């Protein structure tokens, strides 16, 4: 517990790089003889971590090939040139790239300069309502949409790793998608309406068709790298969805796609070495490993008994249970900047209480993730917002309006989780 608290404080205070804090925690577990080496480093031999490696490498190929920019331009071209159409187009642009790149920070950071280019082309003032709305639409499409695809964000893989084994082994890429789809669709629709309400400009600047046509024409027809990457991604998604039929592990499918992209020359040695976030993978590995360490020591059960007096009385009332859970997450997020840490702590500590009341630990993770990713009241609380906004030097969105939109996103998350309760009952994730 002392090591975990030290790590949380270090992450919150940004004392050193997050991946080094995670590594130091792993080393400390061994140095103080708390757990054996094979437990402290267990995650690095699991399918979950290698799935993350494969997804990162696939994402690099998608970004390097130019598919992201092409998808965004085509999405904008297909919708009306109104403020509603522009924001909807940027949200939809995140769909093609969603399942291929598990780092939402990378996706949003790559997309933010593209949005800035659109804002400049329309002559928008920096940090205006219009430019803020465009940025928030991009954030929704490339970040808030992440949970719907199992490989859409590393936090999904963290959540999957900390679920009870009997539940984890029954979840496939396809079942994950169907479970999340209504919830994420509602999040995007409600947040989009929030953008239209809060950020609607008094005078709408129009993004000319000529500009979009010129940019799309400049890309030319699909190149060899784009075709190979698109085909590989399509085959990978197909194998993920049909996993119950062929039984091949999703991690093996992802790595097979990486091998093919490398053999075809699309994914080069230089890209594999320099473009994949290896520091992020180390960070994810050690954080994921808490799912092995805490149960090994019985810490999860102990923390569960501490929370039981709070949650047990309301566990039979799902609405009150999830309201209390998301309030705790909202408070915890003010001090803990790691998505992984918040999801891991909440799922591991509340799983026993939830399961006893007929609430699947998976829904605990879903509700936690929905709230965690919606909070950027201050820049340091959300690295996706922080890094992507820094990538455009803060020109698109000012902090005052960003804080207001974070509150909008948090309210949307709460409403959507409560609205999802009947669907979760239908799926058997909640007792009737």
Protein backbone atom coordinates (compact mmCIF):
# COMPACT_ATOMS: atom_id res chain seq x y z
CA UNK A 1 0.00 0.00 0.00
CA UNK A 2 2.88 2.37 0.76
CA UNK A 3 4.35 1.75 -2.70
CA UNK A 4 0.98 2.27 -4.37
CA UNK A 5 0.35 5.51 -2.46
CA UNK A 6 3.86 6.72 -3.33
CA UNK A 7 3.19 5.97 -7.01
CA UNK A 8 -0.15 7.79 -6.96
CA UNK A 9 1.40 10.86 -5.30
CA UNK A 10 4.29 10.80 -7.79
CA UNK A 11 1.91 10.58 -10.74
CA UNK A 12 -0.25 13.39 -9.37
CA UNK A 13 2.71 15.66 -8.60
CA UNK A 14 4.55 14.71 -11.82
CA UNK A 15 7.74 14.08 -9.82
CA UNK A 16 9.22 12.09 -12.69
CA UNK A 17 8.09 10.39 -15.89
CA UNK A 18 5.02 8.23 -15.35
CA UNK A 19 6.61 5.10 -16.80
CA UNK A 20 9.60 5.46 -14.46
CA UNK A 21 7.27 5.74 -11.48
CA UNK A 22 5.54 2.55 -12.63
CA UNK A 23 8.87 0.77 -13.10
CA UNK A 24 10.11 1.94 -9.69
CA UNK A 25 6.96 0.51 -8.13
CA UNK A 26 7.64 -2.84 -9.80
CA UNK A 27 11.26 -2.84 -8.67
CA UNK A 28 10.19 -1.88 -5.15
CA UNK A 29 7.89 -4.89 -4.97
CA UNK A 30 10.93 -7.09 -5.53
CA UNK A 31 13.50 -5.11 -3.54
CA UNK A 32 11.33 -5.13 -0.42
CA UNK A 33 10.47 -8.81 -1.02
CA UNK A 34 6.77 -8.08 -1.15
CA UNK A 35 6.11 -10.41 -4.09
CA UNK A 36 8.36 -12.69 -6.17
CA UNK A 37 9.71 -11.52 -9.55
CA UNK A 38 7.28 -13.63 -11.55
CA UNK A 39 4.38 -11.79 -9.89
CA UNK A 40 5.91 -8.30 -10.04
CA UNK A 41 6.53 -8.67 -13.80
CA UNK A 42 3.73 -11.14 -14.63
CA UNK A 43 1.86 -8.87 -17.04
CA UNK A 44 4.70 -8.76 -19.55
CA UNK A 45 4.05 -12.39 -20.44
CA UNK A 46 0.29 -12.08 -20.78
CA UNK A 47 -1.78 -11.79 -23.99
CA UNK A 48 -3.09 -8.41 -22.79
CA UNK A 49 0.30 -6.73 -22.90
CA UNK A 50 1.24 -8.25 -26.26
CA UNK A 51 -2.15 -7.23 -27.59
CA UNK A 52 -1.18 -3.67 -26.64
CA UNK A 53 2.17 -4.00 -28.45
CA UNK A 54 0.42 -5.26 -31.58
CA UNK A 55 -2.24 -2.55 -31.48
CA UNK A 56 0.38 0.18 -31.05
CA UNK A 57 2.32 -1.10 -34.07
CA UNK A 58 -0.85 -1.32 -36.20
CA UNK A 59 -1.67 2.23 -35.19
CA UNK A 60 1.74 3.49 -36.28
CA UNK A 61 1.13 2.03 -39.74
CA UNK A 62 -2.28 3.71 -39.98
CA UNK A 63 -0.84 7.08 -39.02
CA UNK A 64 2.22 6.78 -41.24
CA UNK A 65 0.15 5.75 -44.25
CA UNK A 66 -2.02 8.90 -44.18
CA UNK A 67 -5.32 7.09 -43.64
CA UNK A 68 -6.17 9.33 -40.68
CA UNK A 69 -6.02 12.56 -42.68
CA UNK A 70 -7.92 11.03 -45.61
CA UNK A 71 -10.69 9.77 -43.30
CA UNK A 72 -11.07 13.17 -41.63
CA UNK A 73 -11.26 15.05 -44.92
CA UNK A 74 -13.80 12.64 -46.41
CA UNK A 75 -15.96 12.85 -43.27
CA UNK A 76 -16.04 16.65 -43.46
CA UNK A 77 -16.71 16.53 -47.20
CA UNK A 78 -19.74 14.28 -46.73
CA UNK A 79 -21.59 16.52 -44.26
CA UNK A 80 -23.19 20.00 -44.56
CA UNK A 81 -20.78 22.93 -44.10
CA UNK A 82 -22.67 24.18 -41.01
CA UNK A 83 -21.28 24.26 -37.46
CA UNK A 84 -23.34 21.16 -36.65
CA UNK A 85 -22.07 19.44 -39.79
CA UNK A 86 -18.44 20.40 -39.15
CA UNK A 87 -18.49 19.11 -35.57
CA UNK A 88 -20.36 15.94 -36.54
CA UNK A 89 -17.81 15.29 -39.29
CA UNK A 90 -14.89 15.56 -36.89
CA UNK A 91 -16.60 13.18 -34.45
CA UNK A 92 -17.24 10.64 -37.21
CA UNK A 93 -13.66 10.97 -38.45
CA UNK A 94 -12.50 9.14 -35.36
CA UNK A 95 -14.36 5.96 -36.27
CA UNK A 96 -11.97 4.54 -38.93
CA UNK A 97 -8.89 5.10 -36.77
CA UNK A 98 -10.61 4.08 -33.53
CA UNK A 99 -9.88 0.35 -33.34
CA UNK A 100 -6.40 0.56 -34.84
CA UNK A 101 -4.54 2.80 -32.42
CA UNK A 102 -4.84 2.18 -28.66
CA UNK A 103 -3.25 5.44 -27.58
CA UNK A 104 -5.97 8.07 -27.53
CA UNK A 105 -3.30 10.65 -26.71
CA UNK A 106 -1.54 9.80 -29.97
CA UNK A 107 -4.76 9.91 -31.97
CA UNK A 108 -5.87 13.25 -30.57
CA UNK A 109 -2.40 14.73 -30.87
CA UNK A 110 -2.21 13.73 -34.52
CA UNK A 111 -5.69 15.08 -35.24
CA UNK A 112 -5.38 18.43 -33.39
CA UNK A 113 -3.01 20.07 -35.95
CA UNK A 114 -5.38 18.97 -38.71
CA UNK A 115 -8.24 20.75 -36.88
CA UNK A 116 -6.05 23.83 -36.48
CA UNK A 117 -5.51 23.80 -40.24
CA UNK A 118 -9.27 23.79 -40.76
CA UNK A 119 -9.70 26.66 -38.29
CA UNK A 120 -7.01 28.69 -40.05
CA UNK A 121 -8.56 27.97 -43.44
CA UNK A 122 -11.86 29.41 -42.17
CA UNK A 123 -10.13 32.42 -40.62
CA UNK A 124 -11.28 31.65 -37.07
CA UNK A 125 -9.89 33.58 -34.13
CA UNK A 126 -7.77 31.65 -31.65
CA UNK A 127 -9.76 30.16 -28.74
CA UNK A 128 -13.05 31.37 -30.21
CA UNK A 129 -16.30 29.51 -29.60
CA UNK A 130 -16.12 28.08 -33.13
CA UNK A 131 -12.53 26.81 -32.82
CA UNK A 132 -13.29 25.41 -29.35
CA UNK A 133 -16.26 23.53 -30.76
CA UNK A 134 -14.11 22.03 -33.53
CA UNK A 135 -11.46 20.96 -31.02
CA UNK A 136 -14.03 19.40 -28.68
CA UNK A 137 -15.64 17.54 -31.59
CA UNK A 138 -12.23 16.14 -32.49
CA UNK A 139 -11.68 15.22 -28.82
CA UNK A 140 -15.00 13.37 -28.79
CA UNK A 141 -14.28 11.44 -31.98
CA UNK A 142 -10.69 10.52 -31.19
CA UNK A 143 -10.78 10.23 -27.37
CA UNK A 144 -14.29 9.79 -25.94
CA UNK A 145 -15.08 7.20 -28.62
CA UNK A 146 -12.07 5.09 -27.57
CA UNK A 147 -13.86 2.68 -25.18
CA UNK A 148 -16.21 1.27 -27.85
CA UNK A 149 -13.38 -0.73 -29.46
CA UNK A 150 -11.44 -3.14 -27.25
CA UNK A 151 -8.24 -1.95 -28.93
CA UNK A 152 -9.32 1.70 -29.02
CA UNK A 153 -7.48 2.71 -25.85
CA UNK A 154 -4.94 1.13 -23.53
CA UNK A 155 -7.31 1.75 -20.62
CA UNK A 156 -9.65 -0.82 -22.16
CA UNK A 157 -6.88 -3.42 -21.99
CA UNK A 158 -6.16 -2.40 -18.40
CA UNK A 159 -9.82 -2.90 -17.54
CA UNK A 160 -9.90 -6.25 -19.29
CA UNK A 161 -6.83 -7.39 -17.35
CA UNK A 162 -8.27 -6.55 -13.92
CA UNK A 163 -11.61 -8.28 -14.46
CA UNK A 164 -12.11 -11.69 -12.80
CA UNK A 165 -10.63 -14.45 -14.95
CA UNK A 166 -13.91 -16.27 -15.59
CA UNK A 167 -15.40 -13.03 -16.92
CA UNK A 168 -12.29 -11.95 -18.82
CA UNK A 169 -12.01 -15.19 -20.79
CA UNK A 170 -15.61 -14.90 -21.99
CA UNK A 171 -15.14 -11.44 -23.54
CA UNK A 172 -14.26 -11.19 -27.23
CA UNK A 173 -13.57 -8.18 -29.41
CA UNK A 174 -17.08 -8.46 -30.84
CA UNK A 175 -18.88 -8.86 -27.51
CA UNK A 176 -16.94 -5.89 -26.15
CA UNK A 177 -18.09 -3.74 -29.09
CA UNK A 178 -21.76 -4.72 -28.73
CA UNK A 179 -21.69 -4.11 -24.98
CA UNK A 180 -20.24 -0.61 -25.34
CA UNK A 181 -21.93 0.53 -28.55
CA UNK A 182 -25.18 2.01 -27.13
CA UNK A 183 -23.35 3.65 -24.22
CA UNK A 184 -20.69 5.33 -26.38
CA UNK A 185 -23.24 6.32 -29.02
CA UNK A 186 -25.24 8.11 -26.31
CA UNK A 187 -22.09 9.77 -24.96
CA UNK A 188 -21.19 11.12 -28.38
CA UNK A 189 -24.70 12.35 -29.16
CA UNK A 190 -25.18 14.07 -25.79
CA UNK A 191 -21.70 15.61 -25.85
CA UNK A 192 -22.24 16.78 -29.44
CA UNK A 193 -25.46 18.47 -28.32
CA UNK A 194 -23.46 20.02 -25.48
CA UNK A 195 -20.96 21.39 -28.02
CA UNK A 196 -23.78 22.90 -30.06
CA UNK A 197 -25.24 24.48 -26.91
CA UNK A 198 -22.05 25.81 -25.31
CA UNK A 199 -19.83 26.55 -28.31
CA UNK A 200 -22.19 27.59 -31.08
CA UNK A 201 -20.68 30.72 -32.65
CA UNK A 202 -22.75 33.83 -33.31
CA UNK A 203 -21.54 33.81 -36.91
CA UNK A 204 -20.68 30.50 -38.53
CA UNK A 205 -17.63 30.41 -40.78
CA UNK A 206 -18.00 28.04 -43.70
CA UNK A 207 -15.32 25.57 -44.69
CA UNK A 208 -15.39 25.78 -48.46
CA UNK A 209 -15.89 22.70 -50.59
CA UNK A 210 -13.05 23.96 -52.75
CA UNK A 211 -10.65 23.73 -49.80
CA UNK A 212 -11.72 20.16 -48.99
CA UNK A 213 -11.62 19.11 -52.64
CA UNK A 214 -8.16 20.60 -53.01
CA UNK A 215 -6.85 18.82 -49.91
CA UNK A 216 -8.37 15.49 -50.93
CA UNK A 217 -7.02 15.87 -54.45
CA UNK A 218 -3.56 16.61 -53.04
CA UNK A 219 -3.63 13.23 -51.30
CA UNK A 220 -4.15 11.51 -54.65
CA UNK A 221 -5.52 7.97 -55.00
CA UNK A 222 -4.90 5.36 -52.32
CA UNK A 223 -1.19 4.55 -52.31
CA UNK A 224 0.42 1.15 -51.85
CA UNK A 225 1.00 1.67 -48.11
CA UNK A 226 -2.57 2.85 -47.58
CA UNK A 227 -4.01 -0.14 -49.45
CA UNK A 228 -1.87 -2.67 -47.60
CA UNK A 229 -2.59 -1.04 -44.23
CA UNK A 230 -6.32 -0.82 -44.95
CA UNK A 231 -6.43 -4.46 -46.04
CA UNK A 232 -4.44 -5.62 -43.02
CA UNK A 233 -6.62 -3.60 -40.66
CA UNK A 234 -9.78 -4.98 -42.26
CA UNK A 235 -8.54 -8.57 -41.97
CA UNK A 236 -7.46 -8.00 -38.37
CA UNK A 237 -10.85 -6.57 -37.40
CA UNK A 238 -12.62 -9.45 -39.12
CA UNK A 239 -10.55 -12.01 -37.21
CA UNK A 240 -11.16 -10.16 -33.94
CA UNK A 241 -14.91 -10.11 -34.49
CA UNK A 242 -15.03 -13.80 -35.48
CA UNK A 243 -12.79 -14.99 -32.64
CA UNK A 244 -15.51 -17.29 -31.21
CA UNK A 245 -15.49 -19.19 -34.53
CA UNK A 246 -11.75 -19.73 -35.05
CA UNK A 247 -10.47 -19.46 -31.46
CA UNK A 248 -7.25 -17.58 -32.33
CA UNK A 249 -6.25 -15.24 -29.51
CA UNK A 250 -6.76 -11.54 -30.34
CA UNK A 251 -3.14 -10.80 -29.36
CA UNK A 252 -1.86 -13.34 -31.89
CA UNK A 253 -4.05 -11.79 -34.58
CA UNK A 254 -2.69 -8.32 -33.84
CA UNK A 255 0.91 -9.51 -33.90
CA UNK A 256 0.29 -11.41 -37.15
CA UNK A 257 -0.89 -8.16 -38.71
CA UNK A 258 2.27 -6.44 -37.49
CA UNK A 259 4.45 -9.17 -39.00
CA UNK A 260 2.66 -8.85 -42.35
CA UNK A 261 3.01 -5.05 -42.38
CA UNK A 262 6.70 -5.42 -41.61
CA UNK A 263 7.22 -8.07 -44.29
CA UNK A 264 5.46 -5.87 -46.86
CA UNK A 265 7.70 -2.93 -45.98
CA UNK A 266 4.90 -0.70 -44.68
CA UNK A 267 6.10 -0.86 -41.06
CA UNK A 268 9.81 -0.14 -41.17
CA UNK A 269 12.42 -0.95 -38.54
CA UNK A 270 12.84 2.78 -37.88
CA UNK A 271 9.10 3.28 -37.32
CA UNK A 272 8.89 0.22 -35.08
CA UNK A 273 11.76 1.50 -32.95
CA UNK A 274 10.93 5.20 -32.82
CA UNK A 275 7.20 5.67 -33.44
CA UNK A 276 5.78 3.12 -31.00
CA UNK A 277 5.37 4.52 -27.49
CA UNK A 278 7.58 2.02 -25.67
CA UNK A 279 7.50 4.19 -22.56
CA UNK A 280 3.71 3.94 -22.70
CA UNK A 281 3.95 0.17 -23.00
CA UNK A 282 6.22 -0.03 -19.95
CA UNK A 283 3.82 2.20 -18.03
CA UNK A 284 0.86 0.08 -19.09
CA UNK A 285 2.66 -3.15 -18.23
CA UNK A 286 3.49 -2.26 -14.65
CA UNK A 287 0.11 -0.65 -14.06
CA UNK A 288 -1.67 -3.67 -15.51
CA UNK A 289 0.39 -5.78 -13.17
CA UNK A 290 -1.46 -4.37 -10.17
CA UNK A 291 -4.19 -6.82 -11.19
CA UNK A 292 -1.76 -9.61 -10.26
CA UNK A 293 -0.07 -8.01 -7.25
CA UNK A 294 -3.11 -6.76 -5.31
CA UNK A 295 -5.02 -10.08 -5.36
CA UNK A 296 -1.78 -11.97 -4.57
CA UNK A 297 -1.43 -9.92 -1.39
CA UNK A 298 -5.14 -9.75 -0.61
CA UNK A 299 -5.10 -5.96 -0.80
CA UNK A 300 -8.12 -5.85 -3.12
CA UNK A 301 -10.23 -7.80 -0.64
CA UNK A 302 -9.07 -5.58 2.22
CA UNK A 303 -9.92 -2.40 0.34
CA UNK A 304 -13.23 -3.96 -0.61
CA UNK A 305 -14.12 -4.47 3.05
CA UNK A 306 -13.33 -0.79 3.71
CA UNK A 307 -15.68 0.33 0.94
CA UNK A 308 -18.33 -2.25 1.73
CA UNK A 309 -20.06 -0.15 4.45
CA UNK A 310 -20.46 2.63 1.88
CA UNK A 311 -21.55 0.62 -1.15
CA UNK A 312 -23.16 -2.49 0.33
CA UNK A 313 -26.34 -0.72 1.54
CA UNK A 314 -26.98 0.69 -1.95
CA UNK A 315 -25.62 -2.19 -4.04
CA UNK A 316 -29.13 -3.55 -4.59
CA UNK A 317 -30.17 -0.24 -6.11
CA UNK A 318 -28.10 0.14 -9.30
CA UNK A 319 -28.97 3.82 -9.84
CA UNK A 320 -27.69 4.81 -6.38
CA UNK A 321 -24.73 2.43 -6.68
CA UNK A 322 -23.48 3.92 -9.95
CA UNK A 323 -24.16 7.48 -8.82
CA UNK A 324 -22.02 6.90 -5.72
CA UNK A 325 -19.33 5.13 -7.76
CA UNK A 326 -19.03 7.96 -10.27
CA UNK A 327 -18.95 10.55 -7.48
CA UNK A 328 -16.04 8.69 -5.87
CA UNK A 329 -14.28 8.51 -9.26
CA UNK A 330 -14.84 12.23 -9.83
CA UNK A 331 -13.25 13.04 -6.45
CA UNK A 332 -10.42 10.54 -6.91
CA UNK A 333 -9.63 11.95 -10.35
CA UNK A 334 -8.82 15.33 -8.79
CA UNK A 335 -5.76 13.74 -7.18
CA UNK A 336 -4.85 10.75 -9.36
CA UNK A 337 -3.99 11.57 -12.97
CA UNK A 338 -3.51 7.99 -14.13
CA UNK A 339 -6.56 6.53 -15.90
CA UNK A 340 -5.05 3.10 -15.36
CA UNK A 341 -4.67 3.58 -11.62
CA UNK A 342 -8.24 4.84 -11.11
CA UNK A 343 -9.79 2.04 -13.18
CA UNK A 344 -7.63 -0.60 -11.49
CA UNK A 345 -8.37 0.60 -7.97
CA UNK A 346 -12.13 0.93 -8.47
CA UNK A 347 -12.60 -2.40 -10.24
CA UNK A 348 -10.42 -4.44 -7.89
CA UNK A 349 -11.86 -2.94 -4.71
CA UNK A 350 -15.53 -2.88 -5.70
CA UNK A 351 -15.73 -6.17 -7.61
CA UNK A 352 -16.53 -8.31 -4.50
CA UNK A 353 -19.28 -5.92 -3.34
CA UNK A 354 -20.72 -5.56 -6.83
CA UNK A 355 -20.65 -9.29 -7.61
CA UNK A 356 -22.42 -10.11 -4.34
CA UNK A 357 -25.26 -7.79 -5.40
CA UNK A 358 -25.52 -9.21 -8.91
CA UNK A 359 -23.63 -6.33 -10.55
CA UNK A 360 -20.96 -7.41 -13.03
CA UNK A 361 -17.48 -5.99 -12.28
CA UNK A 362 -17.38 -5.11 -15.98
CA UNK A 363 -20.10 -2.48 -15.50
CA UNK A 364 -18.07 -1.04 -12.60
CA UNK A 365 -15.18 -0.65 -15.04
CA UNK A 366 -17.37 0.86 -17.75
CA UNK A 367 -18.83 3.48 -15.41
CA UNK A 368 -15.39 4.29 -14.01
CA UNK A 369 -13.87 4.68 -17.47
CA UNK A 370 -16.74 6.88 -18.68
CA UNK A 371 -16.19 9.29 -15.79
CA UNK A 372 -12.37 9.19 -15.81
CA UNK A 373 -12.04 10.20 -19.45
CA UNK A 374 -14.56 13.03 -19.06
CA UNK A 375 -12.53 15.03 -16.53
CA UNK A 376 -10.10 17.73 -17.61
CA UNK A 377 -11.16 20.51 -15.26
CA UNK A 378 -7.45 21.31 -14.99
CA UNK A 379 -5.02 20.42 -17.80
CA UNK A 380 -2.88 17.98 -15.78
CA UNK A 381 -5.92 15.83 -14.98
CA UNK A 382 -6.21 14.50 -18.53
CA UNK A 383 -3.08 13.83 -20.55
CA UNK A 384 -5.09 13.50 -23.78
CA UNK A 385 -6.41 17.03 -23.43
CA UNK A 386 -3.09 18.38 -22.15
CA UNK A 387 -0.89 16.96 -24.91
CA UNK A 388 -3.28 17.49 -27.83
CA UNK A 389 -3.95 21.09 -26.80
CA UNK A 390 -0.23 21.72 -26.40
CA UNK A 391 0.31 20.30 -29.89
CA UNK A 392 -1.52 23.33 -31.28
CA UNK A 393 -0.07 25.74 -28.66
CA UNK A 394 -3.48 26.23 -27.04
CA UNK A 395 -4.78 28.10 -30.08
CA UNK A 396 -8.00 26.11 -30.46
CA UNK A 397 -9.37 25.96 -26.93
CA UNK A 398 -8.97 28.16 -23.85
CA UNK A 399 -8.98 26.64 -20.37
CA UNK A 400 -12.12 28.42 -19.16
CA UNK A 401 -14.23 26.96 -21.95
CA UNK A 402 -12.43 23.61 -21.64
CA UNK A 403 -13.38 23.39 -17.95
CA UNK A 404 -17.01 24.08 -18.82
CA UNK A 405 -16.95 21.37 -21.52
CA UNK A 406 -15.41 18.93 -19.02
CA UNK A 407 -18.38 19.51 -16.72
CA UNK A 408 -20.67 18.92 -19.71
CA UNK A 409 -18.84 15.67 -20.49
CA UNK A 410 -19.06 14.54 -16.85
CA UNK A 411 -22.81 15.17 -16.73
CA UNK A 412 -23.16 13.29 -20.03
CA UNK A 413 -21.20 10.36 -18.60
CA UNK A 414 -23.44 10.14 -15.53
CA UNK A 415 -26.66 10.35 -17.54
CA UNK A 416 -25.47 7.81 -20.09
CA UNK A 417 -24.36 5.28 -17.48
CA UNK A 418 -27.75 5.50 -15.77
CA UNK A 419 -29.49 5.18 -19.15
CA UNK A 420 -27.41 2.06 -19.88
CA UNK A 421 -28.69 0.15 -16.84
CA UNK A 422 -31.68 -1.45 -18.69
CA UNK A 423 -29.39 -2.54 -21.53
CA UNK A 424 -26.91 -4.05 -19.07
CA UNK A 425 -29.81 -5.93 -17.45
CA UNK A 426 -30.77 -7.24 -20.89
CA UNK A 427 -27.21 -8.48 -21.41
CA UNK A 428 -27.22 -10.19 -18.02
CA UNK A 429 -24.58 -7.88 -16.53
CA UNK A 430 -27.03 -6.78 -13.81
CA UNK A 431 -29.43 -8.96 -11.88
CA UNK A 432 -33.08 -8.39 -12.75
